Amino acid sequence: MKLVYTDENRFFVNNIKNILQNSGIKILVKNEFTSSVIGEVSPTDGWLELWVADGAEFEVAKKIIQKRFSEQGSVDWQCSHCSEKNDASFDFCWQCQTEKNRQTA
């Protein structure tokens, strides 16, 4: 098994997990229930981690993740409906669910 992705934001990790699983890659999630130890361990020790179950799929998983981030760009965006700031990886506003490229009248 190899660690393929980790982040402090559980939404990002779960998004990547779904993308990889939909691509047929078997993923193991570690630290899923560590929120109760926050404050007793290093903050990064509590981050969700995605591990590729089959080491042979590691490079494929990394390429899928890199492609996803390059498609999204690395620029955060502001919702045209509610003005909420969203991470570049989101296709919909987390606050009001307005689509990223939708323009309001």
PDB file of N, CA and C in Angstrom:
ATOM      1  N   MET A   1       0.845  -1.183   0.000  1.00  0.00           N
ATOM      2  CA  MET A   1       0.000   0.000   0.000  1.00  0.00           C
ATOM      3  C   MET A   1       0.890   1.246   0.000  1.00  0.00           C
ATOM      4  N   LYS A   2       0.395   2.288  -0.686  1.00  0.00           N
ATOM      5  CA  LYS A   2       1.133   3.549  -0.743  1.00  0.00           C
ATOM      6  C   LYS A   2       0.179   4.714  -0.504  1.00  0.00           C
ATOM      7  N   LEU A   3       0.675   5.692   0.255  1.00  0.00           N
ATOM      8  CA  LEU A   3      -0.086   6.917   0.488  1.00  0.00           C
ATOM      9  C   LEU A   3      -0.134   7.721  -0.794  1.00  0.00           C
ATOM     10  N   VAL A   4      -1.350   8.044  -1.253  1.00  0.00           N
ATOM     11  CA  VAL A   4      -1.492   8.767  -2.510  1.00  0.00           C
ATOM     12  C   VAL A   4      -1.975  10.203  -2.308  1.00  0.00           C
ATOM     13  N   TYR A   5      -2.693  10.482  -1.195  1.00  0.00           N
ATOM     14  CA  TYR A   5      -3.213  11.840  -1.014  1.00  0.00           C
ATOM     15  C   TYR A   5      -3.607  12.050   0.447  1.00  0.00           C
ATOM     16  N   THR A   6      -3.345  13.244   0.949  1.00  0.00           N
ATOM     17  CA  THR A   6      -3.795  13.648   2.274  1.00  0.00           C
ATOM     18  C   THR A   6      -4.016  15.156   2.274  1.00  0.00           C
ATOM     19  N   ASP A   7      -4.912  15.608   3.123  1.00  0.00           N
ATOM     20  CA  ASP A   7      -5.196  17.039   3.234  1.00  0.00           C
ATOM     21  C   ASP A   7      -5.925  17.259   4.547  1.00  0.00           C
ATOM     22  N   GLU A   8      -5.824  18.466   5.076  1.00  0.00           N
ATOM     23  CA  GLU A   8      -6.541  18.771   6.313  1.00  0.00           C
ATOM     24  C   GLU A   8      -8.050  18.883   6.080  1.00  0.00           C
ATOM     25  N   ASN A   9      -8.456  19.174   4.849  1.00  0.00           N
ATOM     26  CA  ASN A   9      -9.869  19.362   4.524  1.00  0.00           C
ATOM     27  C   ASN A   9     -10.487  18.032   4.095  1.00  0.00           C
ATOM     28  N   ARG A  10     -11.403  17.523   4.912  1.00  0.00           N
ATOM     29  CA  ARG A  10     -12.047  16.232   4.654  1.00  0.00           C
ATOM     30  C   ARG A  10     -12.851  16.236   3.349  1.00  0.00           C
ATOM     31  N   PHE A  11     -13.391  17.373   2.975  1.00  0.00           N
ATOM     32  CA  PHE A  11     -14.157  17.456   1.725  1.00  0.00           C
ATOM     33  C   PHE A  11     -13.254  17.188   0.515  1.00  0.00           C
ATOM     34  N   PHE A  12     -12.053  17.745   0.525  1.00  0.00           N
ATOM     35  CA  PHE A  12     -11.114  17.528  -0.574  1.00  0.00           C
ATOM     36  C   PHE A  12     -10.712  16.060  -0.657  1.00  0.00           C
ATOM     37  N   VAL A  13     -10.406  15.483   0.495  1.00  0.00           N
ATOM     38  CA  VAL A  13      -9.978  14.083   0.523  1.00  0.00           C
ATOM     39  C   VAL A  13     -11.094  13.179   0.022  1.00  0.00           C
ATOM     40  N   ASN A  14     -12.314  13.423   0.468  1.00  0.00           N
ATOM     41  CA  ASN A  14     -13.438  12.595   0.021  1.00  0.00           C
ATOM     42  C   ASN A  14     -13.725  12.789  -1.460  1.00  0.00           C
ATOM     43  N   ASN A  15     -13.507  13.994  -1.972  1.00  0.00           N
ATOM     44  CA  ASN A  15     -13.675  14.248  -3.400  1.00  0.00           C
ATOM     45  C   ASN A  15     -12.674  13.418  -4.206  1.00  0.00           C
ATOM     46  N   ILE A  16     -11.418  13.435  -3.798  1.00  0.00           N
ATOM     47  CA  ILE A  16     -10.388  12.651  -4.480  1.00  0.00           C
ATOM     48  C   ILE A  16     -10.682  11.158  -4.335  1.00  0.00           C
ATOM     49  N   LYS A  17     -11.125  10.752  -3.162  1.00  0.00           N
ATOM     50  CA  LYS A  17     -11.476   9.335  -2.953  1.00  0.00           C
ATOM     51  C   LYS A  17     -12.543   8.888  -3.947  1.00  0.00           C
ATOM     52  N   ASN A  18     -13.570   9.694  -4.105  1.00  0.00           N
ATOM     53  CA  ASN A  18     -14.646   9.353  -5.043  1.00  0.00           C
ATOM     54  C   ASN A  18     -14.144   9.285  -6.481  1.00  0.00           C
ATOM     55  N   ILE A  19     -13.296  10.221  -6.859  1.00  0.00           N
ATOM     56  CA  ILE A  19     -12.740  10.229  -8.216  1.00  0.00           C
ATOM     57  C   ILE A  19     -11.938   8.958  -8.471  1.00  0.00           C
ATOM     58  N   LEU A  20     -11.090   8.596  -7.515  1.00  0.00           N
ATOM     59  CA  LEU A  20     -10.266   7.398  -7.679  1.00  0.00           C
ATOM     60  C   LEU A  20     -11.109   6.126  -7.700  1.00  0.00           C
ATOM     61  N   GLN A  21     -12.076   6.048  -6.810  1.00  0.00           N
ATOM     62  CA  GLN A  21     -12.933   4.862  -6.787  1.00  0.00           C
ATOM     63  C   GLN A  21     -13.756   4.736  -8.064  1.00  0.00           C
ATOM     64  N   ASN A  22     -14.221   5.855  -8.589  1.00  0.00           N
ATOM     65  CA  ASN A  22     -14.969   5.819  -9.850  1.00  0.00           C
ATOM     66  C   ASN A  22     -14.082   5.426 -11.025  1.00  0.00           C
ATOM     67  N   SER A  23     -12.767   5.544 -10.839  1.00  0.00           N
ATOM     68  CA  SER A  23     -11.820   5.115 -11.868  1.00  0.00           C
ATOM     69  C   SER A  23     -11.411   3.656 -11.677  1.00  0.00           C
ATOM     70  N   GLY A  24     -12.002   2.993 -10.698  1.00  0.00           N
ATOM     71  CA  GLY A  24     -11.737   1.578 -10.463  1.00  0.00           C
ATOM     72  C   GLY A  24     -10.546   1.295  -9.568  1.00  0.00           C
ATOM     73  N   ILE A  25     -10.033   2.303  -8.896  1.00  0.00           N
ATOM     74  CA  ILE A  25      -8.884   2.111  -8.011  1.00  0.00           C
ATOM     75  C   ILE A  25      -9.390   1.867  -6.592  1.00  0.00           C
ATOM     76  N   LYS A  26      -8.885   0.810  -5.978  1.00  0.00           N
ATOM     77  CA  LYS A  26      -9.276   0.472  -4.607  1.00  0.00           C
ATOM     78  C   LYS A  26      -8.486   1.337  -3.640  1.00  0.00           C
ATOM     79  N   ILE A  27      -9.206   2.019  -2.762  1.00  0.00           N
ATOM     80  CA  ILE A  27      -8.619   2.984  -1.832  1.00  0.00           C
ATOM     81  C   ILE A  27      -8.919   2.566  -0.398  1.00  0.00           C
ATOM     82  N   LEU A  28      -7.934   2.752   0.458  1.00  0.00           N
ATOM     83  CA  LEU A  28      -8.110   2.578   1.889  1.00  0.00           C
ATOM     84  C   LEU A  28      -8.022   3.964   2.521  1.00  0.00           C
ATOM     85  N   VAL A  29      -8.973   4.294   3.381  1.00  0.00           N
ATOM     86  CA  VAL A  29      -8.972   5.588   4.068  1.00  0.00           C
ATOM     87  C   VAL A  29      -8.451   5.379   5.481  1.00  0.00           C
ATOM     88  N   LYS A  30      -7.418   6.129   5.841  1.00  0.00           N
ATOM     89  CA  LYS A  30      -6.877   6.066   7.198  1.00  0.00           C
ATOM     90  C   LYS A  30      -7.187   7.366   7.918  1.00  0.00           C
ATOM     91  N   ASN A  31      -7.254   7.286   9.231  1.00  0.00           N
ATOM     92  CA  ASN A  31      -7.517   8.420  10.122  1.00  0.00           C
ATOM     93  C   ASN A  31      -8.941   8.949   9.972  1.00  0.00           C
ATOM     94  N   GLU A  32      -9.842   8.080   9.577  1.00  0.00           N
ATOM     95  CA  GLU A  32     -11.226   8.501   9.360  1.00  0.00           C
ATOM     96  C   GLU A  32     -11.912   8.928  10.656  1.00  0.00           C
ATOM     97  N   PHE A  33     -11.504   8.354  11.773  1.00  0.00           N
ATOM     98  CA  PHE A  33     -12.176   8.628  13.040  1.00  0.00           C
ATOM     99  C   PHE A  33     -11.234   9.243  14.076  1.00  0.00           C
ATOM    100  N   THR A  34     -10.320  10.069  13.612  1.00  0.00           N
ATOM    101  CA  THR A  34      -9.324  10.647  14.520  1.00  0.00           C
ATOM    102  C   THR A  34      -9.718  12.003  15.084  1.00  0.00           C
ATOM    103  N   SER A  35     -10.882  12.490  14.777  1.00  0.00           N
ATOM    104  CA  SER A  35     -11.251  13.833  15.254  1.00  0.00           C
ATOM    105  C   SER A  35     -11.263  13.906  16.775  1.00  0.00           C
ATOM    106  N   SER A  36     -11.426  12.780  17.458  1.00  0.00           N
ATOM    107  CA  SER A  36     -11.456  12.799  18.919  1.00  0.00           C
ATOM    108  C   SER A  36     -10.074  12.987  19.538  1.00  0.00           C
ATOM    109  N   VAL A  37      -9.003  12.814  18.774  1.00  0.00           N
ATOM    110  CA  VAL A  37      -7.659  12.971  19.327  1.00  0.00           C
ATOM    111  C   VAL A  37      -7.041  14.324  18.991  1.00  0.00           C
ATOM    112  N   ILE A  38      -7.780  15.171  18.283  1.00  0.00           N
ATOM    113  CA  ILE A  38      -7.257  16.491  17.935  1.00  0.00           C
ATOM    114  C   ILE A  38      -6.899  17.226  19.227  1.00  0.00           C
ATOM    115  N   GLY A  39      -5.731  17.804  19.249  1.00  0.00           N
ATOM    116  CA  GLY A  39      -5.245  18.486  20.444  1.00  0.00           C
ATOM    117  C   GLY A  39      -4.286  17.633  21.238  1.00  0.00           C
ATOM    118  N   GLU A  40      -4.349  16.322  21.058  1.00  0.00           N
ATOM    119  CA  GLU A  40      -3.447  15.418  21.759  1.00  0.00           C
ATOM    120  C   GLU A  40      -2.313  14.937  20.863  1.00  0.00           C
ATOM    121  N   VAL A  41      -2.466  15.113  19.558  1.00  0.00           N
ATOM    122  CA  VAL A  41      -1.427  14.724  18.600  1.00  0.00           C
ATOM    123  C   VAL A  41      -1.184  15.887  17.656  1.00  0.00           C
ATOM    124  N   SER A  42      -0.144  15.767  16.864  1.00  0.00           N
ATOM    125  CA  SER A  42       0.138  16.784  15.862  1.00  0.00           C
ATOM    126  C   SER A  42      -1.074  16.932  14.939  1.00  0.00           C
ATOM    127  N   PRO A  43      -1.409  18.156  14.523  1.00  0.00           N
ATOM    128  CA  PRO A  43      -2.572  18.339  13.639  1.00  0.00           C
ATOM    129  C   PRO A  43      -2.509  17.498  12.372  1.00  0.00           C
ATOM    130  N   THR A  44      -1.333  17.339  11.798  1.00  0.00           N
ATOM    131  CA  THR A  44      -1.233  16.558  10.558  1.00  0.00           C
ATOM    132  C   THR A  44      -1.434  15.070  10.801  1.00  0.00           C
ATOM    133  N   ASP A  45      -1.257  14.613  12.023  1.00  0.00           N
ATOM    134  CA  ASP A  45      -1.481  13.199  12.332  1.00  0.00           C
ATOM    135  C   ASP A  45      -2.963  12.835  12.270  1.00  0.00           C
ATOM    136  N   GLY A  46      -3.818  13.818  12.326  1.00  0.00           N
ATOM    137  CA  GLY A  46      -5.254  13.571  12.273  1.00  0.00           C
ATOM    138  C   GLY A  46      -5.873  13.752  10.899  1.00  0.00           C
ATOM    139  N   TRP A  47      -5.082  14.154   9.910  1.00  0.00           N
ATOM    140  CA  TRP A  47      -5.608  14.351   8.556  1.00  0.00           C
ATOM    141  C   TRP A  47      -6.027  13.021   7.948  1.00  0.00           C
ATOM    142  N   LEU A  48      -7.086  13.059   7.158  1.00  0.00           N
ATOM    143  CA  LEU A  48      -7.464  11.868   6.406  1.00  0.00           C
ATOM    144  C   LEU A  48      -6.376  11.537   5.405  1.00  0.00           C
ATOM    145  N   GLU A  49      -6.149  10.248   5.205  1.00  0.00           N
ATOM    146  CA  GLU A  49      -5.160   9.791   4.241  1.00  0.00           C
ATOM    147  C   GLU A  49      -5.797   8.794   3.297  1.00  0.00           C
ATOM    148  N   LEU A  50      -5.464   8.894   2.029  1.00  0.00           N
ATOM    149  CA  LEU A  50      -5.913   7.925   1.033  1.00  0.00           C
ATOM    150  C   LEU A  50      -4.721   7.071   0.634  1.00  0.00           C
ATOM    151  N   TRP A  51      -4.870   5.781   0.771  1.00  0.00           N
ATOM    152  CA  TRP A  51      -3.833   4.827   0.423  1.00  0.00           C
ATOM    153  C   TRP A  51      -4.343   3.953  -0.704  1.00  0.00           C
ATOM    154  N   VAL A  52      -3.494   3.735  -1.703  1.00  0.00           N
ATOM    155  CA  VAL A  52      -3.836   2.844  -2.803  1.00  0.00           C
ATOM    156  C   VAL A  52      -3.587   1.421  -2.317  1.00  0.00           C
ATOM    157  N   ALA A  53      -4.638   0.596  -2.382  1.00  0.00           N
ATOM    158  CA  ALA A  53      -4.539  -0.774  -1.893  1.00  0.00           C
ATOM    159  C   ALA A  53      -3.558  -1.598  -2.712  1.00  0.00           C
ATOM    160  N   ASP A  54      -3.546  -1.408  -4.014  1.00  0.00           N
ATOM    161  CA  ASP A  54      -2.658  -2.142  -4.914  1.00  0.00           C
ATOM    162  C   ASP A  54      -1.545  -1.202  -5.363  1.00  0.00           C
ATOM    163  N   GLY A  55      -0.317  -1.475  -4.923  1.00  0.00           N
ATOM    164  CA  GLY A  55       0.815  -0.612  -5.249  1.00  0.00           C
ATOM    165  C   GLY A  55       1.000  -0.389  -6.740  1.00  0.00           C
ATOM    166  N   ALA A  56       0.559  -1.346  -7.543  1.00  0.00           N
ATOM    167  CA  ALA A  56       0.685  -1.215  -8.994  1.00  0.00           C
ATOM    168  C   ALA A  56      -0.199  -0.102  -9.550  1.00  0.00           C
ATOM    169  N   GLU A  57      -1.226   0.279  -8.819  1.00  0.00           N
ATOM    170  CA  GLU A  57      -2.143   1.334  -9.263  1.00  0.00           C
ATOM    171  C   GLU A  57      -1.724   2.717  -8.777  1.00  0.00           C
ATOM    172  N   PHE A  58      -0.631   2.789  -8.022  1.00  0.00           N
ATOM    173  CA  PHE A  58      -0.208   4.057  -7.428  1.00  0.00           C
ATOM    174  C   PHE A  58       0.045   5.139  -8.477  1.00  0.00           C
ATOM    175  N   GLU A  59       0.823   4.825  -9.499  1.00  0.00           N
ATOM    176  CA  GLU A  59       1.151   5.822 -10.523  1.00  0.00           C
ATOM    177  C   GLU A  59      -0.094   6.280 -11.278  1.00  0.00           C
ATOM    178  N   VAL A  60      -1.005   5.351 -11.547  1.00  0.00           N
ATOM    179  CA  VAL A  60      -2.261   5.703 -12.221  1.00  0.00           C
ATOM    180  C   VAL A  60      -3.059   6.660 -11.336  1.00  0.00           C
ATOM    181  N   ALA A  61      -3.122   6.362 -10.043  1.00  0.00           N
ATOM    182  CA  ALA A  61      -3.854   7.213  -9.107  1.00  0.00           C
ATOM    183  C   ALA A  61      -3.246   8.614  -9.051  1.00  0.00           C
ATOM    184  N   LYS A  62      -1.908   8.705  -9.002  1.00  0.00           N
ATOM    185  CA  LYS A  62      -1.248  10.012  -8.976  1.00  0.00           C
ATOM    186  C   LYS A  62      -1.563  10.816 -10.235  1.00  0.00           C
ATOM    187  N   LYS A  63      -1.577  10.139 -11.384  1.00  0.00           N
ATOM    188  CA  LYS A  63      -1.883  10.842 -12.639  1.00  0.00           C
ATOM    189  C   LYS A  63      -3.320  11.337 -12.656  1.00  0.00           C
ATOM    190  N   ILE A  64      -4.238  10.551 -12.123  1.00  0.00           N
ATOM    191  CA  ILE A  64      -5.651  10.967 -12.060  1.00  0.00           C
ATOM    192  C   ILE A  64      -5.775  12.203 -11.178  1.00  0.00           C
ATOM    193  N   ILE A  65      -5.096  12.204 -10.045  1.00  0.00           N
ATOM    194  CA  ILE A  65      -5.148  13.352  -9.133  1.00  0.00           C
ATOM    195  C   ILE A  65      -4.535  14.582  -9.792  1.00  0.00           C
ATOM    196  N   GLN A  66      -3.374  14.427 -10.422  1.00  0.00           N
ATOM    197  CA  GLN A  66      -2.720  15.550 -11.094  1.00  0.00           C
ATOM    198  C   GLN A  66      -3.602  16.103 -12.209  1.00  0.00           C
ATOM    199  N   LYS A  67      -4.220  15.217 -12.969  1.00  0.00           N
ATOM    200  CA  LYS A  67      -5.107  15.652 -14.050  1.00  0.00           C
ATOM    201  C   LYS A  67      -6.285  16.437 -13.494  1.00  0.00           C
ATOM    202  N   ARG A  68      -6.863  15.947 -12.418  1.00  0.00           N
ATOM    203  CA  ARG A  68      -8.013  16.616 -11.810  1.00  0.00           C
ATOM    204  C   ARG A  68      -7.649  18.033 -11.370  1.00  0.00           C
ATOM    205  N   PHE A  69      -6.483  18.183 -10.743  1.00  0.00           N
ATOM    206  CA  PHE A  69      -6.077  19.510 -10.291  1.00  0.00           C
ATOM    207  C   PHE A  69      -5.697  20.413 -11.455  1.00  0.00           C
ATOM    208  N   SER A  70      -5.106  19.852 -12.496  1.00  0.00           N
ATOM    209  CA  SER A  70      -4.746  20.692 -13.644  1.00  0.00           C
ATOM    210  C   SER A  70      -5.984  21.128 -14.420  1.00  0.00           C
ATOM    211  N   GLU A  71      -7.022  20.275 -14.449  1.00  0.00           N
ATOM    212  CA  GLU A  71      -8.282  20.667 -15.105  1.00  0.00           C
ATOM    213  C   GLU A  71      -8.948  21.793 -14.350  1.00  0.00           C
ATOM    214  N   GLN A  72      -8.878  21.729 -13.048  1.00  0.00           N
ATOM    215  CA  GLN A  72      -9.533  22.730 -12.214  1.00  0.00           C
ATOM    216  C   GLN A  72      -8.723  24.020 -12.133  1.00  0.00           C
ATOM    217  N   GLY A  73      -7.454  23.926 -12.415  1.00  0.00           N
ATOM    218  CA  GLY A  73      -6.593  25.070 -12.192  1.00  0.00           C
ATOM    219  C   GLY A  73      -6.279  25.152 -10.705  1.00  0.00           C
ATOM    220  N   SER A  74      -5.484  26.080 -10.336  1.00  0.00           N
ATOM    221  CA  SER A  74      -5.129  26.199  -8.927  1.00  0.00           C
ATOM    222  C   SER A  74      -5.612  27.523  -8.350  1.00  0.00           C
ATOM    223  N   VAL A  75      -6.601  28.105  -9.000  1.00  0.00           N
ATOM    224  CA  VAL A  75      -7.104  29.402  -8.575  1.00  0.00           C
ATOM    225  C   VAL A  75      -8.459  29.226  -7.902  1.00  0.00           C
ATOM    226  N   ASP A  76      -8.550  29.702  -6.671  1.00  0.00           N
ATOM    227  CA  ASP A  76      -9.841  29.697  -5.990  1.00  0.00           C
ATOM    228  C   ASP A  76     -10.795  30.601  -6.761  1.00  0.00           C
ATOM    229  N   TRP A  77     -12.091  30.360  -6.587  1.00  0.00           N
ATOM    230  CA  TRP A  77     -13.067  31.166  -7.314  1.00  0.00           C
ATOM    231  C   TRP A  77     -14.146  31.661  -6.359  1.00  0.00           C
ATOM    232  N   GLN A  78     -14.772  32.763  -6.760  1.00  0.00           N
ATOM    233  CA  GLN A  78     -15.831  33.382  -5.959  1.00  0.00           C
ATOM    234  C   GLN A  78     -17.168  33.133  -6.637  1.00  0.00           C
ATOM    235  N   CYS A  79     -18.130  32.669  -5.868  1.00  0.00           N
ATOM    236  CA  CYS A  79     -19.450  32.357  -6.402  1.00  0.00           C
ATOM    237  C   CYS A  79     -20.136  33.620  -6.917  1.00  0.00           C
ATOM    238  N   SER A  80     -20.680  33.522  -8.125  1.00  0.00           N
ATOM    239  CA  SER A  80     -21.360  34.667  -8.723  1.00  0.00           C
ATOM    240  C   SER A  80     -22.730  34.905  -8.094  1.00  0.00           C
ATOM    241  N   HIS A  81     -23.222  33.928  -7.332  1.00  0.00           N
ATOM    242  CA  HIS A  81     -24.545  34.063  -6.713  1.00  0.00           C
ATOM    243  C   HIS A  81     -24.465  34.611  -5.286  1.00  0.00           C
ATOM    244  N   CYS A  82     -23.613  33.970  -4.449  1.00  0.00           N
ATOM    245  CA  CYS A  82     -23.579  34.367  -3.039  1.00  0.00           C
ATOM    246  C   CYS A  82     -22.250  35.003  -2.612  1.00  0.00           C
ATOM    247  N   SER A  83     -21.305  35.094  -3.539  1.00  0.00           N
ATOM    248  CA  SER A  83     -19.981  35.696  -3.318  1.00  0.00           C
ATOM    249  C   SER A  83     -19.087  34.913  -2.358  1.00  0.00           C
ATOM    250  N   GLU A  84     -19.432  33.660  -2.081  1.00  0.00           N
ATOM    251  CA  GLU A  84     -18.610  32.831  -1.210  1.00  0.00           C
ATOM    252  C   GLU A  84     -17.328  32.418  -1.938  1.00  0.00           C
ATOM    253  N   LYS A  85     -16.206  32.403  -1.226  1.00  0.00           N
ATOM    254  CA  LYS A  85     -14.939  31.951  -1.804  1.00  0.00           C
ATOM    255  C   LYS A  85     -14.910  30.427  -1.761  1.00  0.00           C
ATOM    256  N   ASN A  86     -14.556  29.815  -2.901  1.00  0.00           N
ATOM    257  CA  ASN A  86     -14.517  28.357  -3.026  1.00  0.00           C
ATOM    258  C   ASN A  86     -13.150  27.911  -3.508  1.00  0.00           C
ATOM    259  N   ASP A  87     -12.754  26.728  -3.090  1.00  0.00           N
ATOM    260  CA  ASP A  87     -11.507  26.144  -3.550  1.00  0.00           C
ATOM    261  C   ASP A  87     -11.607  25.808  -5.032  1.00  0.00           C
ATOM    262  N   ALA A  88     -10.487  25.833  -5.716  1.00  0.00           N
ATOM    263  CA  ALA A  88     -10.459  25.571  -7.153  1.00  0.00           C
ATOM    264  C   ALA A  88     -11.000  24.187  -7.506  1.00  0.00           C
ATOM    265  N   SER A  89     -10.916  23.224  -6.588  1.00  0.00           N
ATOM    266  CA  SER A  89     -11.359  21.864  -6.886  1.00  0.00           C
ATOM    267  C   SER A  89     -12.883  21.714  -6.871  1.00  0.00           C
ATOM    268  N   PHE A  90     -13.598  22.707  -6.367  1.00  0.00           N
ATOM    269  CA  PHE A  90     -15.058  22.610  -6.298  1.00  0.00           C
ATOM    270  C   PHE A  90     -15.689  23.022  -7.625  1.00  0.00           C
ATOM    271  N   ASP A  91     -16.622  22.208  -8.101  1.00  0.00           N
ATOM    272  CA  ASP A  91     -17.393  22.542  -9.298  1.00  0.00           C
ATOM    273  C   ASP A  91     -18.654  23.315  -8.941  1.00  0.00           C
ATOM    274  N   PHE A  92     -19.067  23.205  -7.670  1.00  0.00           N
ATOM    275  CA  PHE A  92     -20.255  23.892  -7.178  1.00  0.00           C
ATOM    276  C   PHE A  92     -19.890  24.630  -5.901  1.00  0.00           C
ATOM    277  N   CYS A  93     -20.538  25.751  -5.683  1.00  0.00           N
ATOM    278  CA  CYS A  93     -20.319  26.528  -4.463  1.00  0.00           C
ATOM    279  C   CYS A  93     -20.734  25.696  -3.252  1.00  0.00           C
ATOM    280  N   TRP A  94     -19.871  25.623  -2.264  1.00  0.00           N
ATOM    281  CA  TRP A  94     -20.188  24.823  -1.087  1.00  0.00           C
ATOM    282  C   TRP A  94     -21.297  25.486  -0.257  1.00  0.00           C
ATOM    283  N   GLN A  95     -21.468  26.781  -0.397  1.00  0.00           N
ATOM    284  CA  GLN A  95     -22.462  27.514   0.379  1.00  0.00           C
ATOM    285  C   GLN A  95     -23.870  27.407  -0.214  1.00  0.00           C
ATOM    286  N   CYS A  96     -23.997  27.652  -1.531  1.00  0.00           N
ATOM    287  CA  CYS A  96     -25.340  27.719  -2.137  1.00  0.00           C
ATOM    288  C   CYS A  96     -25.544  26.729  -3.286  1.00  0.00           C
ATOM    289  N   GLN A  97     -24.512  25.939  -3.606  1.00  0.00           N
ATOM    290  CA  GLN A  97     -24.561  24.913  -4.649  1.00  0.00           C
ATOM    291  C   GLN A  97     -24.736  25.468  -6.067  1.00  0.00           C
ATOM    292  N   THR A  98     -24.398  26.723  -6.290  1.00  0.00           N
ATOM    293  CA  THR A  98     -24.419  27.286  -7.634  1.00  0.00           C
ATOM    294  C   THR A  98     -23.227  26.733  -8.408  1.00  0.00           C
ATOM    295  N   GLU A  99     -23.446  26.370  -9.659  1.00  0.00           N
ATOM    296  CA  GLU A  99     -22.381  25.807 -10.480  1.00  0.00           C
ATOM    297  C   GLU A  99     -21.264  26.833 -10.692  1.00  0.00           C
ATOM    298  N   LYS A 100     -20.047  26.368 -10.756  1.00  0.00           N
ATOM    299  CA  LYS A 100     -18.857  27.209 -10.839  1.00  0.00           C
ATOM    300  C   LYS A 100     -18.930  28.236 -11.978  1.00  0.00           C
ATOM    301  N   ASN A 101     -19.289  27.836 -13.159  1.00  0.00           N
ATOM    302  CA  ASN A 101     -19.257  28.744 -14.310  1.00  0.00           C
ATOM    303  C   ASN A 101     -20.585  29.398 -14.619  1.00  0.00           C
ATOM    304  N   ARG A 102     -21.566  29.213 -13.775  1.00  0.00           N
ATOM    305  CA  ARG A 102     -22.884  29.801 -14.015  1.00  0.00           C
ATOM    306  C   ARG A 102     -22.862  31.292 -13.698  1.00  0.00           C
ATOM    307  N   GLN A 103     -23.398  32.078 -14.585  1.00  0.00           N
ATOM    308  CA  GLN A 103     -23.485  33.529 -14.388  1.00  0.00           C
ATOM    309  C   GLN A 103     -24.904  33.894 -13.980  1.00  0.00           C
ATOM    310  N   THR A 104     -25.020  34.707 -12.962  1.00  0.00           N
ATOM    311  CA  THR A 104     -26.338  35.166 -12.545  1.00  0.00           C
ATOM    312  C   THR A 104     -26.704  36.432 -13.294  1.00  0.00           C
ATOM    313  N   ALA A 105     -27.998  36.629 -13.484  1.00  0.00           N
ATOM    314  CA  ALA A 105     -28.465  37.807 -14.217  1.00  0.00           C
ATOM    315  C   ALA A 105     -28.600  39.002 -13.300  1.00  0.00           C
TER     316      ALA A 105
END
